[in-house]
Amino acid sequence: MFRVWGKIFKDNHMLADTTICDGGDDSRTHKIFHALDEICYQFDLSKPIWLESNIREFKRHAKTRFRQDSFVDEVDFDFLEFQVIEED
């Protein structure tokens, strides 16, 4: 099972969270992008842009934070945290 945890934070408080589970046969990359799409759909957000800092952080820790500069639209939170919590 592949699981990703998405959390929205504002002023150091978690406002919302969700866990996406994927038991499919897709590649890890496809599962990551699918999970991010599903998290954005559940939170009614536009899809964030993966900046170089996000890619480096995600490669190192399997976790990254998307701040305002990753979103085209204005967001009313400090960051969206995206973390892989279980891999096949």
Protein backbone atom coordinates (compact mmCIF):
# COMPACT_ATOMS: atom_id res chain seq x y z
CA MET A 1 0.00 0.00 0.00
CA PHE A 2 1.21 3.49 -0.87
CA ARG A 3 -0.06 6.25 1.43
CA VAL A 4 0.40 10.01 1.33
CA TRP A 5 -0.60 12.48 4.02
CA GLY A 6 -1.64 15.99 3.00
CA LYS A 7 -1.95 18.73 5.64
CA ILE A 8 -2.82 22.42 5.51
CA PHE A 9 -1.22 24.70 8.10
CA LYS A 10 -1.81 28.31 9.10
CA ASP A 11 -0.08 30.05 12.03
CA ASN A 12 1.50 26.73 13.12
CA HIS A 13 -1.92 25.05 13.42
CA MET A 14 -3.13 22.22 11.24
CA LEU A 15 -6.41 23.30 9.65
CA ALA A 16 -7.15 20.17 7.61
CA ASP A 17 -5.60 16.87 6.68
CA THR A 18 -6.30 13.85 4.52
CA THR A 19 -4.65 10.56 3.70
CA ILE A 20 -4.60 9.15 0.19
CA CYS A 21 -4.12 5.39 -0.25
CA ASP A 22 -3.10 3.81 -3.54
CA GLY A 23 -2.75 0.06 -3.97
CA GLY A 24 -2.40 0.18 -7.75
CA ASP A 25 0.43 -1.02 -9.96
CA ASP A 26 1.51 2.41 -11.19
CA SER A 27 5.04 3.70 -10.74
CA ARG A 28 5.96 5.65 -7.60
CA THR A 29 6.01 8.88 -9.60
CA HIS A 30 2.49 8.31 -10.93
CA LYS A 31 1.25 7.50 -7.42
CA ILE A 32 2.78 10.71 -6.07
CA PHE A 33 1.18 12.90 -8.74
CA HIS A 34 -2.16 11.11 -8.40
CA ALA A 35 -2.09 11.60 -4.61
CA LEU A 36 -1.30 15.32 -5.00
CA ASP A 37 -4.16 15.68 -7.50
CA GLU A 38 -6.55 13.96 -5.08
CA ILE A 39 -5.43 16.08 -2.12
CA CYS A 40 -5.92 19.27 -4.13
CA TYR A 41 -9.35 18.05 -5.23
CA GLN A 42 -10.41 17.29 -1.64
CA PHE A 43 -9.15 20.67 -0.37
CA ASP A 44 -10.51 22.52 -3.45
CA LEU A 45 -7.08 23.87 -4.41
CA SER A 46 -5.35 24.48 -7.69
CA LYS A 47 -2.43 22.14 -8.31
CA PRO A 48 0.86 23.53 -6.98
CA ILE A 49 3.96 23.91 -9.10
CA TRP A 50 6.94 21.75 -8.11
CA LEU A 51 9.76 24.26 -7.59
CA GLU A 52 13.40 23.13 -7.39
CA SER A 53 13.31 23.53 -3.60
CA ASN A 54 10.27 21.23 -3.42
CA ILE A 55 11.93 18.59 -5.58
CA ARG A 56 15.16 18.63 -3.52
CA GLU A 57 13.27 18.47 -0.22
CA PHE A 58 11.01 15.66 -1.46
CA LYS A 59 13.93 13.59 -2.75
CA ARG A 60 15.73 13.95 0.57
CA HIS A 61 12.87 13.42 3.04
CA ALA A 62 9.83 12.13 1.06
CA LYS A 63 8.13 15.30 2.31
CA THR A 64 7.76 18.85 1.03
CA ARG A 65 5.84 22.03 1.77
CA PHE A 66 4.07 23.97 -0.95
CA ARG A 67 3.89 27.65 0.01
CA GLN A 68 2.12 30.54 -1.73
CA ASP A 69 4.83 30.78 -4.39
CA SER A 70 3.93 27.26 -5.62
CA PHE A 71 0.30 28.19 -6.28
CA VAL A 72 -1.03 30.32 -9.12
CA ASP A 73 -4.13 31.26 -7.11
CA GLU A 74 -4.11 33.08 -3.78
CA VAL A 75 -4.30 30.65 -0.83
CA ASP A 76 -5.48 31.45 2.70
CA PHE A 77 -2.99 29.23 4.53
CA ASP A 78 0.77 29.20 5.13
CA PHE A 79 1.63 25.91 3.43
CA LEU A 80 0.39 22.56 2.21
CA GLU A 81 2.55 19.75 3.55
CA PHE A 82 2.80 16.65 1.35
CA GLN A 83 4.40 13.54 2.89
CA VAL A 84 4.75 9.90 1.88
CA ILE A 85 4.00 7.86 5.01
CA GLU A 86 4.00 4.32 3.60
CA GLU A 87 5.43 2.72 0.50
CA ASP A 88 4.91 -0.69 -1.06
